[in-house]
Structure formats: structure tokens, C-alpha cells
Amino acid sequence: MRVVEELRGREYSLSEIIEYYYKIIENKVEIEMVDEKNGNLVYGIQIDKIMIEKNGNQIIESEKVDIISCNLELVREVCSVLHKNLVSPIHLVDVLDDNISEVFKFNSKIKCIENAL
């Protein structure tokens, strides 16, 4: 996994500062079709949320979806929308599932190749 781009967001309240990091990640995958194997790069999104309390304590939440699309521009658009709306890590999978899951359904099998990048 490699971070391709990162967008940052921030929220303030009386008791804490919340920082968001929206990362476009790149993974190498192996795609198995009927009688062939093919290597390819795919892109996903990781969201990190850091809550910094007045006393200095930090609480970190993180979530990622490794495979969204082979189309980097599409993943950039999705990441930009998540960033503009300050979507938290806990909602990442639900937001993607509700809005774009139907677009990416197909019959091939995809597996991430660990440490390929």
C-alpha cells in the first residue's frame, strides 16, 4: 500500500480539536479472469481521525477501503466529496456502500498482493 494523495480537514469544539486525513491509497492486485491472471493497480481511501482534547490526550480512529476503482480520477472525486463533508472513519464503508457499490460489482476475483508496492 502506498499513499498517493492526502487531504486534510479540521473541526473545533470547546473541548477538542478534530483533525481528519483523507488518503488515496494505491494497491497492487491480481485479477483472475476465466483462464488468465493479470496484475493491476487499484485505488482506495483511508480516513484517519485524530481527536485532540484540551488536556493533550489524543484519540485516533482509522478505517480504509483498499479497493474502490482502477480509475484514480474517480477515487479523487469520491475522496474530495468525503473531505468536503468531513466524513468520519466510522461512516466510510456505509457511505461508499450506499453511493457507489453497484458501480463496481463484477464477476472477476480480486486479491490484494501484500507489500507489492
PDB file of N, CA and C in Angstrom:
ATOM      1  N   MET A   1       0.842  -1.178   0.000  1.00  0.00           N
ATOM      2  CA  MET A   1       0.000   0.000   0.000  1.00  0.00           C
ATOM      3  C   MET A   1       0.885   1.239   0.000  1.00  0.00           C
ATOM      4  N   ARG A   2       0.479   2.220  -0.805  1.00  0.00           N
ATOM      5  CA  ARG A   2       1.201   3.474  -0.883  1.00  0.00           C
ATOM      6  C   ARG A   2       0.186   4.610  -0.887  1.00  0.00           C
ATOM      7  N   VAL A   3       0.470   5.696  -0.148  1.00  0.00           N
ATOM      8  CA  VAL A   3      -0.411   6.868  -0.138  1.00  0.00           C
ATOM      9  C   VAL A   3      -0.074   7.715  -1.352  1.00  0.00           C
ATOM     10  N   VAL A   4      -1.084   7.971  -2.185  1.00  0.00           N
ATOM     11  CA  VAL A   4      -0.912   8.744  -3.408  1.00  0.00           C
ATOM     12  C   VAL A   4      -1.153  10.228  -3.137  1.00  0.00           C
ATOM     13  N   GLU A   5      -2.208  10.535  -2.403  1.00  0.00           N
ATOM     14  CA  GLU A   5      -2.572  11.920  -2.083  1.00  0.00           C
ATOM     15  C   GLU A   5      -3.211  11.961  -0.703  1.00  0.00           C
ATOM     16  N   GLU A   6      -3.214  13.161  -0.119  1.00  0.00           N
ATOM     17  CA  GLU A   6      -3.831  13.333   1.198  1.00  0.00           C
ATOM     18  C   GLU A   6      -4.508  14.694   1.260  1.00  0.00           C
ATOM     19  N   LEU A   7      -5.750  14.698   1.747  1.00  0.00           N
ATOM     20  CA  LEU A   7      -6.493  15.931   2.010  1.00  0.00           C
ATOM     21  C   LEU A   7      -6.689  16.022   3.517  1.00  0.00           C
ATOM     22  N   ARG A   8      -6.709  17.240   4.039  1.00  0.00           N
ATOM     23  CA  ARG A   8      -6.867  17.426   5.488  1.00  0.00           C
ATOM     24  C   ARG A   8      -8.064  18.296   5.798  1.00  0.00           C
ATOM     25  N   GLY A   9      -8.706  17.980   6.909  1.00  0.00           N
ATOM     26  CA  GLY A   9      -9.826  18.772   7.391  1.00  0.00           C
ATOM     27  C   GLY A   9      -9.720  18.926   8.893  1.00  0.00           C
ATOM     28  N   ARG A  10     -10.454  19.900   9.430  1.00  0.00           N
ATOM     29  CA  ARG A  10     -10.366  20.155  10.870  1.00  0.00           C
ATOM     30  C   ARG A  10     -11.699  20.703  11.371  1.00  0.00           C
ATOM     31  N   GLU A  11     -12.086  20.260  12.570  1.00  0.00           N
ATOM     32  CA  GLU A  11     -13.262  20.771  13.275  1.00  0.00           C
ATOM     33  C   GLU A  11     -12.826  21.213  14.663  1.00  0.00           C
ATOM     34  N   TYR A  12     -13.521  22.218  15.175  1.00  0.00           N
ATOM     35  CA  TYR A  12     -13.211  22.720  16.522  1.00  0.00           C
ATOM     36  C   TYR A  12     -14.459  22.662  17.389  1.00  0.00           C
ATOM     37  N   SER A  13     -14.260  22.359  18.660  1.00  0.00           N
ATOM     38  CA  SER A  13     -15.330  22.484  19.646  1.00  0.00           C
ATOM     39  C   SER A  13     -14.711  23.087  20.891  1.00  0.00           C
ATOM     40  N   LEU A  14     -15.510  23.300  21.920  1.00  0.00           N
ATOM     41  CA  LEU A  14     -14.988  23.886  23.147  1.00  0.00           C
ATOM     42  C   LEU A  14     -14.021  22.954  23.865  1.00  0.00           C
ATOM     43  N   SER A  15     -14.174  21.646  23.674  1.00  0.00           N
ATOM     44  CA  SER A  15     -13.357  20.702  24.436  1.00  0.00           C
ATOM     45  C   SER A  15     -12.291  19.976  23.619  1.00  0.00           C
ATOM     46  N   GLU A  16     -12.328  20.084  22.269  1.00  0.00           N
ATOM     47  CA  GLU A  16     -11.368  19.337  21.473  1.00  0.00           C
ATOM     48  C   GLU A  16     -11.212  19.892  20.060  1.00  0.00           C
ATOM     49  N   ILE A  17     -10.144  19.474  19.436  1.00  0.00           N
ATOM     50  CA  ILE A  17      -9.906  19.736  18.020  1.00  0.00           C
ATOM     51  C   ILE A  17      -9.935  18.378  17.333  1.00  0.00           C
ATOM     52  N   ILE A  18     -10.622  18.296  16.208  1.00  0.00           N
ATOM     53  CA  ILE A  18     -10.674  17.038  15.467  1.00  0.00           C
ATOM     54  C   ILE A  18     -10.021  17.261  14.107  1.00  0.00           C
ATOM     55  N   GLU A  19      -8.988  16.481  13.839  1.00  0.00           N
ATOM     56  CA  GLU A  19      -8.299  16.544  12.558  1.00  0.00           C
ATOM     57  C   GLU A  19      -8.650  15.303  11.748  1.00  0.00           C
ATOM     58  N   TYR A  20      -8.919  15.516  10.451  1.00  0.00           N
ATOM     59  CA  TYR A  20      -9.229  14.419   9.543  1.00  0.00           C
ATOM     60  C   TYR A  20      -8.165  14.359   8.456  1.00  0.00           C
ATOM     61  N   TYR A  21      -7.773  13.150   8.089  1.00  0.00           N
ATOM     62  CA  TYR A  21      -6.825  12.928   6.998  1.00  0.00           C
ATOM     63  C   TYR A  21      -7.475  11.957   6.020  1.00  0.00           C
ATOM     64  N   TYR A  22      -7.709  12.423   4.803  1.00  0.00           N
ATOM     65  CA  TYR A  22      -8.324  11.618   3.760  1.00  0.00           C
ATOM     66  C   TYR A  22      -7.225  11.219   2.782  1.00  0.00           C
ATOM     67  N   LYS A  23      -6.913   9.935   2.746  1.00  0.00           N
ATOM     68  CA  LYS A  23      -5.783   9.458   1.962  1.00  0.00           C
ATOM     69  C   LYS A  23      -6.260   8.577   0.810  1.00  0.00           C
ATOM     70  N   ILE A  24      -5.765   8.877  -0.383  1.00  0.00           N
ATOM     71  CA  ILE A  24      -5.971   7.980  -1.511  1.00  0.00           C
ATOM     72  C   ILE A  24      -4.811   6.997  -1.486  1.00  0.00           C
ATOM     73  N   ILE A  25      -5.146   5.726  -1.426  1.00  0.00           N
ATOM     74  CA  ILE A  25      -4.113   4.698  -1.329  1.00  0.00           C
ATOM     75  C   ILE A  25      -4.082   3.868  -2.615  1.00  0.00           C
ATOM     76  N   GLU A  26      -2.898   3.372  -2.925  1.00  0.00           N
ATOM     77  CA  GLU A  26      -2.693   2.572  -4.133  1.00  0.00           C
ATOM     78  C   GLU A  26      -2.261   1.168  -3.714  1.00  0.00           C
ATOM     79  N   ASN A  27      -2.878   0.173  -4.312  1.00  0.00           N
ATOM     80  CA  ASN A  27      -2.554  -1.225  -4.028  1.00  0.00           C
ATOM     81  C   ASN A  27      -2.348  -1.971  -5.336  1.00  0.00           C
ATOM     82  N   LYS A  28      -1.478  -2.951  -5.310  1.00  0.00           N
ATOM     83  CA  LYS A  28      -1.316  -3.839  -6.459  1.00  0.00           C
ATOM     84  C   LYS A  28      -2.216  -5.039  -6.219  1.00  0.00           C
ATOM     85  N   VAL A  29      -2.960  -5.420  -7.240  1.00  0.00           N
ATOM     86  CA  VAL A  29      -3.875  -6.552  -7.116  1.00  0.00           C
ATOM     87  C   VAL A  29      -3.606  -7.555  -8.225  1.00  0.00           C
ATOM     88  N   GLU A  30      -4.088  -8.738  -7.991  1.00  0.00           N
ATOM     89  CA  GLU A  30      -4.076  -9.777  -9.003  1.00  0.00           C
ATOM     90  C   GLU A  30      -5.521 -10.035  -9.372  1.00  0.00           C
ATOM     91  N   ILE A  31      -5.827  -9.918 -10.641  1.00  0.00           N
ATOM     92  CA  ILE A  31      -7.192 -10.136 -11.111  1.00  0.00           C
ATOM     93  C   ILE A  31      -7.234 -11.475 -11.834  1.00  0.00           C
ATOM     94  N   GLU A  32      -8.105 -12.362 -11.389  1.00  0.00           N
ATOM     95  CA  GLU A  32      -8.261 -13.667 -12.026  1.00  0.00           C
ATOM     96  C   GLU A  32      -9.517 -13.656 -12.876  1.00  0.00           C
ATOM     97  N   MET A  33      -9.339 -13.767 -14.173  1.00  0.00           N
ATOM     98  CA  MET A  33     -10.472 -13.915 -15.074  1.00  0.00           C
ATOM     99  C   MET A  33     -10.639 -15.423 -15.315  1.00  0.00           C
ATOM    100  N   VAL A  34     -11.358 -15.807 -16.320  1.00  0.00           N
ATOM    101  CA  VAL A  34     -11.642 -17.217 -16.543  1.00  0.00           C
ATOM    102  C   VAL A  34     -10.365 -18.052 -16.646  1.00  0.00           C
ATOM    103  N   ASP A  35      -9.471 -17.745 -17.582  1.00  0.00           N
ATOM    104  CA  ASP A  35      -8.266 -18.547 -17.755  1.00  0.00           C
ATOM    105  C   ASP A  35      -6.993 -17.715 -17.736  1.00  0.00           C
ATOM    106  N   GLU A  36      -7.020 -16.542 -17.140  1.00  0.00           N
ATOM    107  CA  GLU A  36      -5.822 -15.708 -17.139  1.00  0.00           C
ATOM    108  C   GLU A  36      -5.697 -14.938 -15.840  1.00  0.00           C
ATOM    109  N   LYS A  37      -4.485 -14.557 -15.540  1.00  0.00           N
ATOM    110  CA  LYS A  37      -4.223 -13.712 -14.376  1.00  0.00           C
ATOM    111  C   LYS A  37      -3.608 -12.427 -14.870  1.00  0.00           C
ATOM    112  N   ASN A  38      -3.908 -11.348 -14.191  1.00  0.00           N
ATOM    113  CA  ASN A  38      -3.484 -10.040 -14.638  1.00  0.00           C
ATOM    114  C   ASN A  38      -3.165  -9.198 -13.409  1.00  0.00           C
ATOM    115  N   GLY A  39      -2.035  -8.508 -13.396  1.00  0.00           N
ATOM    116  CA  GLY A  39      -1.702  -7.608 -12.296  1.00  0.00           C
ATOM    117  C   GLY A  39      -2.151  -6.190 -12.645  1.00  0.00           C
ATOM    118  N   ASN A  40      -2.575  -5.448 -11.656  1.00  0.00           N
ATOM    119  CA  ASN A  40      -3.065  -4.104 -11.914  1.00  0.00           C
ATOM    120  C   ASN A  40      -2.969  -3.276 -10.632  1.00  0.00           C
ATOM    121  N   LEU A  41      -3.010  -1.965 -10.808  1.00  0.00           N
ATOM    122  CA  LEU A  41      -3.064  -1.062  -9.660  1.00  0.00           C
ATOM    123  C   LEU A  41      -4.504  -0.646  -9.433  1.00  0.00           C
ATOM    124  N   VAL A  42      -4.904  -0.622  -8.176  1.00  0.00           N
ATOM    125  CA  VAL A  42      -6.227  -0.146  -7.808  1.00  0.00           C
ATOM    126  C   VAL A  42      -6.073   0.906  -6.717  1.00  0.00           C
ATOM    127  N   TYR A  43      -7.117   1.693  -6.535  1.00  0.00           N
ATOM    128  CA  TYR A  43      -7.066   2.794  -5.586  1.00  0.00           C
ATOM    129  C   TYR A  43      -8.195   2.664  -4.575  1.00  0.00           C
ATOM    130  N   GLY A  44      -7.878   3.043  -3.358  1.00  0.00           N
ATOM    131  CA  GLY A  44      -8.843   3.023  -2.276  1.00  0.00           C
ATOM    132  C   GLY A  44      -8.705   4.285  -1.451  1.00  0.00           C
ATOM    133  N   ILE A  45      -9.414   4.321  -0.341  1.00  0.00           N
ATOM    134  CA  ILE A  45      -9.409   5.510   0.531  1.00  0.00           C
ATOM    135  C   ILE A  45      -9.241   5.069   1.974  1.00  0.00           C
ATOM    136  N   GLN A  46      -8.423   5.814   2.689  1.00  0.00           N
ATOM    137  CA  GLN A  46      -8.266   5.633   4.132  1.00  0.00           C
ATOM    138  C   GLN A  46      -8.584   6.963   4.792  1.00  0.00           C
ATOM    139  N   ILE A  47      -9.357   6.915   5.869  1.00  0.00           N
ATOM    140  CA  ILE A  47      -9.656   8.118   6.655  1.00  0.00           C
ATOM    141  C   ILE A  47      -9.104   7.917   8.060  1.00  0.00           C
ATOM    142  N   ASP A  48      -8.302   8.872   8.500  1.00  0.00           N
ATOM    143  CA  ASP A  48      -7.800   8.893   9.872  1.00  0.00           C
ATOM    144  C   ASP A  48      -8.420  10.095  10.573  1.00  0.00           C
ATOM    145  N   LYS A  49      -8.871   9.887  11.790  1.00  0.00           N
ATOM    146  CA  LYS A  49      -9.470  10.949  12.605  1.00  0.00           C
ATOM    147  C   LYS A  49      -8.697  11.020  13.914  1.00  0.00           C
ATOM    148  N   ILE A  50      -8.204  12.202  14.244  1.00  0.00           N
ATOM    149  CA  ILE A  50      -7.473  12.398  15.486  1.00  0.00           C
ATOM    150  C   ILE A  50      -8.200  13.448  16.319  1.00  0.00           C
ATOM    151  N   MET A  51      -8.690  13.033  17.478  1.00  0.00           N
ATOM    152  CA  MET A  51      -9.343  13.961  18.406  1.00  0.00           C
ATOM    153  C   MET A  51      -8.316  14.381  19.445  1.00  0.00           C
ATOM    154  N   ILE A  52      -8.055  15.681  19.502  1.00  0.00           N
ATOM    155  CA  ILE A  52      -7.080  16.225  20.451  1.00  0.00           C
ATOM    156  C   ILE A  52      -7.851  16.970  21.533  1.00  0.00           C
ATOM    157  N   GLU A  53      -7.823  16.422  22.735  1.00  0.00           N
ATOM    158  CA  GLU A  53      -8.551  17.036  23.848  1.00  0.00           C
ATOM    159  C   GLU A  53      -7.747  18.178  24.435  1.00  0.00           C
ATOM    160  N   LYS A  54      -8.413  19.056  25.192  1.00  0.00           N
ATOM    161  CA  LYS A  54      -7.756  20.217  25.806  1.00  0.00           C
ATOM    162  C   LYS A  54      -6.564  19.808  26.681  1.00  0.00           C
ATOM    163  N   ASN A  55      -6.666  18.643  27.324  1.00  0.00           N
ATOM    164  CA  ASN A  55      -5.579  18.196  28.194  1.00  0.00           C
ATOM    165  C   ASN A  55      -4.421  17.547  27.418  1.00  0.00           C
ATOM    166  N   GLY A  56      -4.525  17.500  26.084  1.00  0.00           N
ATOM    167  CA  GLY A  56      -3.450  16.947  25.256  1.00  0.00           C
ATOM    168  C   GLY A  56      -3.631  15.491  24.865  1.00  0.00           C
ATOM    169  N   ASN A  57      -4.584  14.795  25.479  1.00  0.00           N
ATOM    170  CA  ASN A  57      -4.837  13.403  25.101  1.00  0.00           C
ATOM    171  C   ASN A  57      -5.320  13.327  23.656  1.00  0.00           C
ATOM    172  N   GLN A  58      -4.905  12.272  22.969  1.00  0.00           N
ATOM    173  CA  GLN A  58      -5.322  12.065  21.587  1.00  0.00           C
ATOM    174  C   GLN A  58      -6.028  10.724  21.447  1.00  0.00           C
ATOM    175  N   ILE A  59      -7.117  10.736  20.702  1.00  0.00           N
ATOM    176  CA  ILE A  59      -7.852   9.520  20.381  1.00  0.00           C
ATOM    177  C   ILE A  59      -7.835   9.393  18.860  1.00  0.00           C
ATOM    178  N   ILE A  60      -7.381   8.250  18.369  1.00  0.00           N
ATOM    179  CA  ILE A  60      -7.225   8.069  16.928  1.00  0.00           C
ATOM    180  C   ILE A  60      -8.169   6.970  16.440  1.00  0.00           C
ATOM    181  N   GLU A  61      -8.896   7.277  15.364  1.00  0.00           N
ATOM    182  CA  GLU A  61      -9.745   6.298  14.692  1.00  0.00           C
ATOM    183  C   GLU A  61      -9.300   6.226  13.242  1.00  0.00           C
ATOM    184  N   SER A  62      -9.391   5.051  12.647  1.00  0.00           N
ATOM    185  CA  SER A  62      -8.966   4.899  11.261  1.00  0.00           C
ATOM    186  C   SER A  62      -9.789   3.816  10.585  1.00  0.00           C
ATOM    187  N   GLU A  63     -10.048   4.004   9.302  1.00  0.00           N
ATOM    188  CA  GLU A  63     -10.742   2.992   8.508  1.00  0.00           C
ATOM    189  C   GLU A  63     -10.293   3.146   7.069  1.00  0.00           C
ATOM    190  N   LYS A  64     -10.242   2.025   6.342  1.00  0.00           N
ATOM    191  CA  LYS A  64      -9.870   2.114   4.934  1.00  0.00           C
ATOM    192  C   LYS A  64     -10.629   1.095   4.109  1.00  0.00           C
ATOM    193  N   VAL A  65     -10.759   1.419   2.849  1.00  0.00           N
ATOM    194  CA  VAL A  65     -11.290   0.510   1.843  1.00  0.00           C
ATOM    195  C   VAL A  65     -10.195   0.401   0.803  1.00  0.00           C
ATOM    196  N   ASP A  66      -9.575  -0.765   0.696  1.00  0.00           N
ATOM    197  CA  ASP A  66      -8.414  -0.944  -0.169  1.00  0.00           C
ATOM    198  C   ASP A  66      -8.738  -0.829  -1.648  1.00  0.00           C
ATOM    199  N   ILE A  67      -9.892  -1.332  -2.066  1.00  0.00           N
ATOM    200  CA  ILE A  67     -10.215  -1.372  -3.482  1.00  0.00           C
ATOM    201  C   ILE A  67     -11.530  -0.637  -3.736  1.00  0.00           C
ATOM    202  N   ILE A  68     -11.439   0.481  -4.442  1.00  0.00           N
ATOM    203  CA  ILE A  68     -12.629   1.188  -4.899  1.00  0.00           C
ATOM    204  C   ILE A  68     -12.688   1.138  -6.419  1.00  0.00           C
ATOM    205  N   SER A  69     -11.575   1.487  -7.079  1.00  0.00           N
ATOM    206  CA  SER A  69     -11.564   1.525  -8.543  1.00  0.00           C
ATOM    207  C   SER A  69     -10.139   1.525  -9.072  1.00  0.00           C
ATOM    208  N   CYS A  70      -9.991   1.150 -10.340  1.00  0.00           N
ATOM    209  CA  CYS A  70      -8.718   1.286 -11.052  1.00  0.00           C
ATOM    210  C   CYS A  70      -8.579   2.710 -11.596  1.00  0.00           C
ATOM    211  N   ASN A  71      -9.651   3.474 -11.531  1.00  0.00           N
ATOM    212  CA  ASN A  71      -9.692   4.830 -12.071  1.00  0.00           C
ATOM    213  C   ASN A  71      -9.323   5.827 -10.957  1.00  0.00           C
ATOM    214  N   LEU A  72      -8.106   6.350 -11.007  1.00  0.00           N
ATOM    215  CA  LEU A  72      -7.625   7.270  -9.979  1.00  0.00           C
ATOM    216  C   LEU A  72      -8.473   8.532  -9.918  1.00  0.00           C
ATOM    217  N   GLU A  73      -8.900   9.052 -11.067  1.00  0.00           N
ATOM    218  CA  GLU A  73      -9.700  10.286 -11.078  1.00  0.00           C
ATOM    219  C   GLU A  73     -11.037  10.095 -10.363  1.00  0.00           C
ATOM    220  N   LEU A  74     -11.657   8.945 -10.545  1.00  0.00           N
ATOM    221  CA  LEU A  74     -12.915   8.658  -9.846  1.00  0.00           C
ATOM    222  C   LEU A  74     -12.695   8.624  -8.343  1.00  0.00           C
ATOM    223  N   VAL A  75     -11.620   7.982  -7.903  1.00  0.00           N
ATOM    224  CA  VAL A  75     -11.331   7.893  -6.468  1.00  0.00           C
ATOM    225  C   VAL A  75     -11.000   9.279  -5.918  1.00  0.00           C
ATOM    226  N   ARG A  76     -10.334  10.117  -6.706  1.00  0.00           N
ATOM    227  CA  ARG A  76     -10.085  11.506  -6.279  1.00  0.00           C
ATOM    228  C   ARG A  76     -11.400  12.250  -6.042  1.00  0.00           C
ATOM    229  N   GLU A  77     -12.352  12.079  -6.950  1.00  0.00           N
ATOM    230  CA  GLU A  77     -13.658  12.742  -6.799  1.00  0.00           C
ATOM    231  C   GLU A  77     -14.369  12.262  -5.541  1.00  0.00           C
ATOM    232  N   VAL A  78     -14.364  10.961  -5.318  1.00  0.00           N
ATOM    233  CA  VAL A  78     -15.007  10.397  -4.121  1.00  0.00           C
ATOM    234  C   VAL A  78     -14.331  10.934  -2.859  1.00  0.00           C
ATOM    235  N   CYS A  79     -12.999  10.943  -2.862  1.00  0.00           N
ATOM    236  CA  CYS A  79     -12.249  11.429  -1.704  1.00  0.00           C
ATOM    237  C   CYS A  79     -12.547  12.905  -1.443  1.00  0.00           C
ATOM    238  N   SER A  80     -12.667  13.680  -2.501  1.00  0.00           N
ATOM    239  CA  SER A  80     -12.977  15.105  -2.368  1.00  0.00           C
ATOM    240  C   SER A  80     -14.349  15.314  -1.722  1.00  0.00           C
ATOM    241  N   VAL A  81     -15.323  14.524  -2.113  1.00  0.00           N
ATOM    242  CA  VAL A  81     -16.668  14.628  -1.517  1.00  0.00           C
ATOM    243  C   VAL A  81     -16.626  14.243  -0.042  1.00  0.00           C
ATOM    244  N   LEU A  82     -15.900  13.174   0.291  1.00  0.00           N
ATOM    245  CA  LEU A  82     -15.761  12.777   1.695  1.00  0.00           C
ATOM    246  C   LEU A  82     -15.102  13.889   2.505  1.00  0.00           C
ATOM    247  N   HIS A  83     -14.073  14.503   1.929  1.00  0.00           N
ATOM    248  CA  HIS A  83     -13.341  15.595   2.585  1.00  0.00           C
ATOM    249  C   HIS A  83     -14.244  16.803   2.808  1.00  0.00           C
ATOM    250  N   LYS A  84     -14.982  17.206   1.791  1.00  0.00           N
ATOM    251  CA  LYS A  84     -15.868  18.380   1.909  1.00  0.00           C
ATOM    252  C   LYS A  84     -16.933  18.188   2.981  1.00  0.00           C
ATOM    253  N   ASN A  85     -17.356  16.953   3.165  1.00  0.00           N
ATOM    254  CA  ASN A  85     -18.409  16.667   4.147  1.00  0.00           C
ATOM    255  C   ASN A  85     -17.873  16.178   5.488  1.00  0.00           C
ATOM    256  N   LEU A  86     -16.540  16.181   5.648  1.00  0.00           N
ATOM    257  CA  LEU A  86     -15.884  15.717   6.877  1.00  0.00           C
ATOM    258  C   LEU A  86     -16.452  14.385   7.363  1.00  0.00           C
ATOM    259  N   VAL A  87     -16.505  13.420   6.451  1.00  0.00           N
ATOM    260  CA  VAL A  87     -16.992  12.091   6.789  1.00  0.00           C
ATOM    261  C   VAL A  87     -15.989  11.426   7.726  1.00  0.00           C
ATOM    262  N   SER A  88     -16.493  10.829   8.793  1.00  0.00           N
ATOM    263  CA  SER A  88     -15.611  10.193   9.772  1.00  0.00           C
ATOM    264  C   SER A  88     -15.299   8.756   9.344  1.00  0.00           C
ATOM    265  N   PRO A  89     -14.225   8.196   9.887  1.00  0.00           N
ATOM    266  CA  PRO A  89     -13.850   6.822   9.522  1.00  0.00           C
ATOM    267  C   PRO A  89     -14.969   5.810   9.761  1.00  0.00           C
ATOM    268  N   ILE A  90     -15.722   6.023  10.818  1.00  0.00           N
ATOM    269  CA  ILE A  90     -16.772   5.066  11.166  1.00  0.00           C
ATOM    270  C   ILE A  90     -17.864   4.993  10.095  1.00  0.00           C
ATOM    271  N   HIS A  91     -17.991   6.036   9.273  1.00  0.00           N
ATOM    272  CA  HIS A  91     -19.031   6.073   8.243  1.00  0.00           C
ATOM    273  C   HIS A  91     -18.518   5.774   6.840  1.00  0.00           C
ATOM    274  N   LEU A  92     -17.213   5.604   6.678  1.00  0.00           N
ATOM    275  CA  LEU A  92     -16.633   5.420   5.349  1.00  0.00           C
ATOM    276  C   LEU A  92     -17.269   4.264   4.582  1.00  0.00           C
ATOM    277  N   VAL A  93     -17.314   3.099   5.156  1.00  0.00           N
ATOM    278  CA  VAL A  93     -17.825   1.923   4.453  1.00  0.00           C
ATOM    279  C   VAL A  93     -19.300   2.100   4.111  1.00  0.00           C
ATOM    280  N   ASP A  94     -20.084   2.637   5.031  1.00  0.00           N
ATOM    281  CA  ASP A  94     -21.514   2.839   4.770  1.00  0.00           C
ATOM    282  C   ASP A  94     -21.745   3.842   3.649  1.00  0.00           C
ATOM    283  N   VAL A  95     -20.997   4.935   3.656  1.00  0.00           N
ATOM    284  CA  VAL A  95     -21.153   5.956   2.614  1.00  0.00           C
ATOM    285  C   VAL A  95     -20.796   5.372   1.244  1.00  0.00           C
ATOM    286  N   LEU A  96     -19.690   4.649   1.165  1.00  0.00           N
ATOM    287  CA  LEU A  96     -19.302   4.027  -0.103  1.00  0.00           C
ATOM    288  C   LEU A  96     -20.326   2.990  -0.540  1.00  0.00           C
ATOM    289  N   ASP A  97     -20.774   2.180   0.403  1.00  0.00           N
ATOM    290  CA  ASP A  97     -21.745   1.135   0.078  1.00  0.00           C
ATOM    291  C   ASP A  97     -23.057   1.727  -0.414  1.00  0.00           C
ATOM    292  N   ASP A  98     -23.529   2.773   0.238  1.00  0.00           N
ATOM    293  CA  ASP A  98     -24.800   3.396  -0.141  1.00  0.00           C
ATOM    294  C   ASP A  98     -24.729   4.109  -1.481  1.00  0.00           C
ATOM    295  N   ASN A  99     -23.564   4.625  -1.846  1.00  0.00           N
ATOM    296  CA  ASN A  99     -23.498   5.505  -3.001  1.00  0.00           C
ATOM    297  C   ASN A  99     -22.819   4.946  -4.242  1.00  0.00           C
ATOM    298  N   ILE A 100     -21.868   4.036  -4.094  1.00  0.00           N
ATOM    299  CA  ILE A 100     -21.172   3.602  -5.301  1.00  0.00           C
ATOM    300  C   ILE A 100     -20.973   2.101  -5.431  1.00  0.00           C
ATOM    301  N   SER A 101     -21.457   1.307  -4.526  1.00  0.00           N
ATOM    302  CA  SER A 101     -21.166  -0.127  -4.580  1.00  0.00           C
ATOM    303  C   SER A 101     -21.699  -0.804  -5.841  1.00  0.00           C
ATOM    304  N   GLU A 102     -22.837  -0.380  -6.335  1.00  0.00           N
ATOM    305  CA  GLU A 102     -23.417  -1.005  -7.524  1.00  0.00           C
ATOM    306  C   GLU A 102     -22.547  -0.806  -8.760  1.00  0.00           C
ATOM    307  N   VAL A 103     -21.802   0.295  -8.801  1.00  0.00           N
ATOM    308  CA  VAL A 103     -20.971   0.606  -9.956  1.00  0.00           C
ATOM    309  C   VAL A 103     -19.839  -0.393 -10.113  1.00  0.00           C
ATOM    310  N   PHE A 104     -19.353  -0.969  -9.028  1.00  0.00           N
ATOM    311  CA  PHE A 104     -18.138  -1.772  -9.062  1.00  0.00           C
ATOM    312  C   PHE A 104     -18.354  -3.278  -8.948  1.00  0.00           C
ATOM    313  N   LYS A 105     -19.586  -3.725  -9.083  1.00  0.00           N
ATOM    314  CA  LYS A 105     -19.816  -5.159  -8.997  1.00  0.00           C
ATOM    315  C   LYS A 105     -19.462  -5.816 -10.332  1.00  0.00           C
ATOM    316  N   PHE A 106     -18.615  -6.840 -10.295  1.00  0.00           N
ATOM    317  CA  PHE A 106     -18.295  -7.627 -11.477  1.00  0.00           C
ATOM    318  C   PHE A 106     -17.880  -9.022 -11.035  1.00  0.00           C
ATOM    319  N   ASN A 107     -17.724  -9.921 -11.984  1.00  0.00           N
ATOM    320  CA  ASN A 107     -17.557 -11.338 -11.662  1.00  0.00           C
ATOM    321  C   ASN A 107     -16.127 -11.801 -11.449  1.00  0.00           C
ATOM    322  N   SER A 108     -15.137 -10.972 -11.697  1.00  0.00           N
ATOM    323  CA  SER A 108     -13.768 -11.438 -11.510  1.00  0.00           C
ATOM    324  C   SER A 108     -13.415 -11.448 -10.023  1.00  0.00           C
ATOM    325  N   LYS A 109     -12.378 -12.210  -9.693  1.00  0.00           N
ATOM    326  CA  LYS A 109     -11.912 -12.286  -8.311  1.00  0.00           C
ATOM    327  C   LYS A 109     -10.701 -11.379  -8.174  1.00  0.00           C
ATOM    328  N   ILE A 110     -10.686 -10.540  -7.145  1.00  0.00           N
ATOM    329  CA  ILE A 110      -9.581  -9.614  -6.935  1.00  0.00           C
ATOM    330  C   ILE A 110      -8.960  -9.908  -5.582  1.00  0.00           C
ATOM    331  N   LYS A 111      -7.631  -9.986  -5.565  1.00  0.00           N
ATOM    332  CA  LYS A 111      -6.906 -10.201  -4.316  1.00  0.00           C
ATOM    333  C   LYS A 111      -5.779  -9.176  -4.218  1.00  0.00           C
ATOM    334  N   CYS A 112      -5.626  -8.547  -3.066  1.00  0.00           N
ATOM    335  CA  CYS A 112      -4.502  -7.640  -2.855  1.00  0.00           C
ATOM    336  C   CYS A 112      -3.228  -8.449  -2.688  1.00  0.00           C
ATOM    337  N   ILE A 113      -2.167  -7.964  -3.271  1.00  0.00           N
ATOM    338  CA  ILE A 113      -0.858  -8.569  -3.109  1.00  0.00           C
ATOM    339  C   ILE A 113      -0.146  -7.771  -2.030  1.00  0.00           C
ATOM    340  N   GLU A 114       0.032  -8.345  -0.863  1.00  0.00           N
ATOM    341  CA  GLU A 114       0.636  -7.638   0.267  1.00  0.00           C
ATOM    342  C   GLU A 114       2.069  -7.204  -0.040  1.00  0.00           C
ATOM    343  N   ASN A 115       2.406  -6.018   0.395  1.00  0.00           N
ATOM    344  CA  ASN A 115       3.759  -5.473   0.277  1.00  0.00           C
ATOM    345  C   ASN A 115       4.277  -5.438  -1.158  1.00  0.00           C
ATOM    346  N   ALA A 116       3.375  -5.316  -2.116  1.00  0.00           N
ATOM    347  CA  ALA A 116       3.794  -5.296  -3.511  1.00  0.00           C
ATOM    348  C   ALA A 116       4.362  -3.951  -3.904  1.00  0.00           C
ATOM    349  N   LEU A 117       3.988  -2.907  -3.169  1.00  0.00           N
ATOM    350  CA  LEU A 117       4.468  -1.559  -3.529  1.00  0.00           C
ATOM    351  C   LEU A 117       5.533  -1.106  -2.582  1.00  0.00           C
TER     352      LEU A 117
END
